[in-house]
Protein backbone atom coordinates (compact mmCIF):
# COMPACT_ATOMS: atom_id res chain seq x y z
CA MET A 1 -203.56 -113.51 165.68
CA GLU A 2 -202.39 -117.06 166.17
CA MET A 3 -204.29 -118.95 168.89
CA LYS A 4 -201.71 -119.31 171.24
CA LYS A 5 -201.05 -115.64 171.29
CA LEU A 6 -204.70 -114.94 171.94
CA ILE A 7 -205.07 -117.53 174.50
CA GLY A 8 -202.28 -116.23 176.16
CA ASN A 9 -203.52 -112.63 175.94
CA VAL A 10 -206.71 -113.90 177.65
CA LEU A 11 -204.64 -115.71 180.43
CA LEU A 12 -202.60 -112.29 181.29
CA THR A 13 -205.61 -110.04 181.35
CA ALA A 14 -207.55 -112.82 183.43
CA GLY A 15 -204.53 -113.18 185.60
CA LEU A 16 -203.89 -109.30 185.91
CA VAL A 17 -207.68 -108.46 186.86
CA ALA A 18 -207.99 -111.37 189.18
CA GLY A 19 -204.53 -110.48 190.77
CA ALA A 20 -205.74 -106.91 191.05
CA ILE A 21 -209.07 -107.77 192.68
CA THR A 22 -207.44 -110.43 195.17
CA ALA A 23 -204.64 -107.98 196.23
CA ALA A 24 -207.14 -105.39 196.92
CA ARG A 25 -208.79 -107.08 199.37
CA ILE A 26 -208.06 -106.62 203.02
CA PRO A 27 -206.29 -108.57 204.38
CA PRO A 28 -204.86 -109.84 200.71
CA MET A 29 -206.02 -113.15 199.53
CA TRP A 30 -202.40 -114.41 199.36
CA GLY A 31 -203.63 -117.75 197.71
CA GLY A 32 -205.45 -116.03 195.05
CA LEU A 33 -202.72 -113.81 194.29
CA ALA A 34 -200.06 -116.72 193.60
CA VAL A 35 -203.01 -118.34 191.57
CA SER A 36 -203.26 -114.89 189.43
CA LEU A 37 -199.79 -114.87 188.89
CA ALA A 38 -199.37 -118.32 187.87
CA VAL A 39 -202.12 -117.70 185.49
CA MET A 40 -200.36 -114.61 184.18
CA GLY A 41 -196.82 -116.80 183.94
CA ALA A 42 -198.77 -119.01 181.47
CA GLY A 43 -200.17 -116.53 179.41
CA ILE A 44 -196.90 -114.75 179.03
CA PHE A 45 -195.42 -118.28 178.09
CA LEU A 46 -198.14 -118.79 175.84
CA ARG A 47 -197.78 -115.54 174.02
CA ARG A 48 -193.88 -115.98 173.51
CA GLN A 49 -194.05 -119.34 172.23
CA GLY A 50 -197.06 -117.81 169.48
CA ALA A 51 -194.57 -115.33 168.90
CA LYS A 52 -191.72 -117.59 168.19
CA GLU A 53 -194.23 -119.87 166.06
CA GLU A 54 -194.96 -116.78 163.92
CA LEU A 55 -191.43 -115.57 163.61
CA HIS A 56 -190.42 -119.32 162.15
CA ARG A 57 -193.42 -119.51 159.81
CA ALA A 58 -192.34 -116.24 158.39
CA ALA A 59 -188.69 -116.77 157.89
CA GLN A 60 -189.98 -120.52 156.18
CA SER A 61 -192.57 -118.97 153.74
CA GLY A 62 -190.46 -115.98 152.91
CA THR A 63 -192.60 -113.23 153.95
CA GLY A 64 -189.72 -111.28 155.81
CA GLY A 65 -186.34 -112.87 156.37
CA VAL A 66 -183.08 -112.80 154.57
CA ARG A 67 -184.53 -112.96 150.90
CA GLU A 68 -186.94 -109.95 151.11
CA LEU A 69 -184.62 -108.04 152.89
CA GLU A 70 -181.84 -108.41 150.31
CA ARG A 71 -184.62 -107.56 147.70
CA LEU A 72 -185.55 -104.42 149.42
CA LEU A 73 -182.08 -103.10 150.19
CA SER A 74 -180.50 -104.02 146.74
CA ASP A 75 -183.49 -102.05 145.03
CA ALA A 76 -182.91 -99.29 147.28
CA ILE A 77 -179.02 -99.14 146.64
CA VAL A 78 -179.37 -99.49 142.69
CA ARG A 79 -181.87 -96.64 142.95
CA ILE A 80 -179.68 -94.53 145.14
CA GLU A 81 -176.71 -94.85 142.93
CA LYS A 82 -178.70 -93.63 139.80
CA ILE A 83 -179.52 -90.33 141.76
CA MET A 84 -176.25 -89.60 143.40
CA ASP A 85 -175.37 -87.16 140.72
CA ALA A 86 -179.04 -85.80 139.60
CA PRO A 87 -180.56 -82.51 140.13
CA ALA A 88 -181.96 -81.86 143.73
CA GLU A 89 -185.43 -82.02 142.77
CA LYS A 90 -185.19 -85.59 141.38
CA VAL A 91 -183.10 -86.71 144.25
CA THR A 92 -185.72 -85.32 146.49
CA ALA A 93 -188.68 -87.15 144.71
CA GLU A 94 -186.74 -90.60 144.47
CA LEU A 95 -185.79 -90.22 148.00
CA THR A 96 -189.43 -89.76 148.74
CA LYS A 97 -190.47 -93.28 146.91
CA ILE A 98 -187.36 -95.09 148.47
CA LEU A 99 -187.99 -93.73 152.14
CA GLU A 100 -191.57 -95.35 151.61
CA GLU A 101 -190.40 -98.78 150.59
CA LEU A 102 -187.91 -98.76 153.45
CA ASP A 103 -190.51 -98.25 155.98
CA GLU A 104 -191.32 -102.02 155.53
CA PHE A 105 -187.70 -103.15 156.68
CA ALA A 106 -188.24 -103.24 160.27
CA GLU A 107 -191.29 -105.28 160.05
CA LYS A 108 -189.80 -107.57 157.28
CA ALA A 109 -186.64 -107.77 159.40
CA GLN A 110 -188.48 -109.57 162.46
CA PRO A 111 -188.01 -113.35 161.55
CA LEU A 112 -183.97 -112.32 161.62
CA ARG A 113 -184.67 -112.31 165.86
CA ILE A 114 -184.59 -116.16 165.16
CA GLU A 115 -180.85 -115.75 164.45
CA GLY A 116 -180.51 -114.02 168.05
CA LEU A 117 -180.89 -110.51 169.33
CA MET A 118 -177.18 -109.41 168.71
CA THR A 119 -177.62 -110.08 165.20
CA TYR A 120 -181.00 -108.32 164.92
CA GLY A 121 -179.66 -105.33 166.90
CA THR A 122 -176.58 -104.98 164.56
CA ILE A 123 -178.55 -105.29 161.44
CA MET A 124 -181.02 -103.03 162.68
CA SER A 125 -178.72 -100.64 163.90
CA VAL A 126 -176.77 -99.94 160.72
CA PHE A 127 -180.13 -99.85 158.86
CA SER A 128 -181.52 -97.19 160.87
CA ARG A 129 -178.57 -95.23 161.02
CA GLY A 130 -178.77 -95.60 156.77
CA GLU A 131 -182.34 -94.43 157.44
CA ARG A 132 -181.65 -91.68 159.64
CA ALA A 133 -179.08 -90.37 157.11
CA LEU A 134 -181.35 -90.71 153.93
CA ASN A 135 -183.98 -88.62 155.80
CA ARG A 136 -181.61 -85.89 156.64
CA ALA A 137 -180.34 -86.13 153.08
CA TRP A 138 -184.14 -85.54 152.00
CA SER A 139 -184.35 -82.80 154.46
CA ALA A 140 -181.36 -81.28 153.11
CA PHE A 141 -182.24 -81.10 149.55
CA ALA A 142 -185.74 -80.09 150.42
CA ASP A 143 -184.20 -76.86 152.50
CA GLY A 144 -182.01 -76.22 149.44
CA TYR A 145 -178.76 -77.41 151.21
CA GLU A 146 -177.49 -79.40 148.23
CA SER A 147 -173.91 -80.04 149.47
CA GLU A 148 -175.25 -81.15 152.93
CA GLY A 149 -177.83 -83.39 151.06
CA ARG A 150 -175.41 -85.18 148.92
CA ARG A 151 -173.24 -85.94 151.73
CA TYR A 152 -175.90 -87.65 153.84
CA LEU A 153 -177.28 -89.31 150.75
CA HIS A 154 -173.81 -90.81 150.66
CA TYR A 155 -173.52 -91.79 154.27
CA GLY A 156 -177.04 -93.46 153.92
CA TYR A 157 -175.89 -95.05 150.90
CA GLU A 158 -173.09 -96.56 152.55
CA ASP A 159 -174.92 -97.74 155.54
CA LEU A 160 -177.45 -99.49 153.32
CA LYS A 161 -174.73 -101.19 151.72
CA GLU A 162 -173.41 -102.17 155.16
CA THR A 163 -176.68 -103.60 156.08
CA LEU A 164 -176.91 -105.47 152.93
CA SER A 165 -173.49 -107.09 153.50
CA ALA A 166 -174.74 -108.09 157.10
CA VAL A 167 -177.80 -109.56 155.82
CA LYS A 168 -176.05 -111.58 153.29
CA ALA A 169 -173.61 -113.06 155.73
CA LEU A 170 -176.55 -114.75 157.52
CA LYS A 171 -177.15 -116.88 154.55
CA VAL A 172 -173.44 -118.38 155.22
């Protein structure tokens, strides 16, 4: 954890404890309570600054961010295209691997918050819809409902393509 976030956590905790102690006294120590709230505010400020700096570093270093997300999505899309008409057992096995790799997406997408919460929210909404569809496809194939599985596989595939388009649009 970065130093600013660590100091922010310590200040936040210290302010919370001090605030509880000063507020619990009868009569409350209003001055102490005000100081503890100021210390908590400083802690929150430092935590947020540290988090922003981490996001910027992650985006600049390539750990996460647009390039990594494009790679993850492109790989998943190509692999799904290969199993569209495959036997159910092969689809289930390959979907298991694809879903495990897509688990990284949300963490690697964190640097996108720099672009704004609306952008991040839009991308994550479409992605999560696609991931849910792929999970439903996996369940349907595993339970023997092949036609339903293929339908949800197609939905998930389309949503991942839409996510990829949205991610690529960030580079423009």
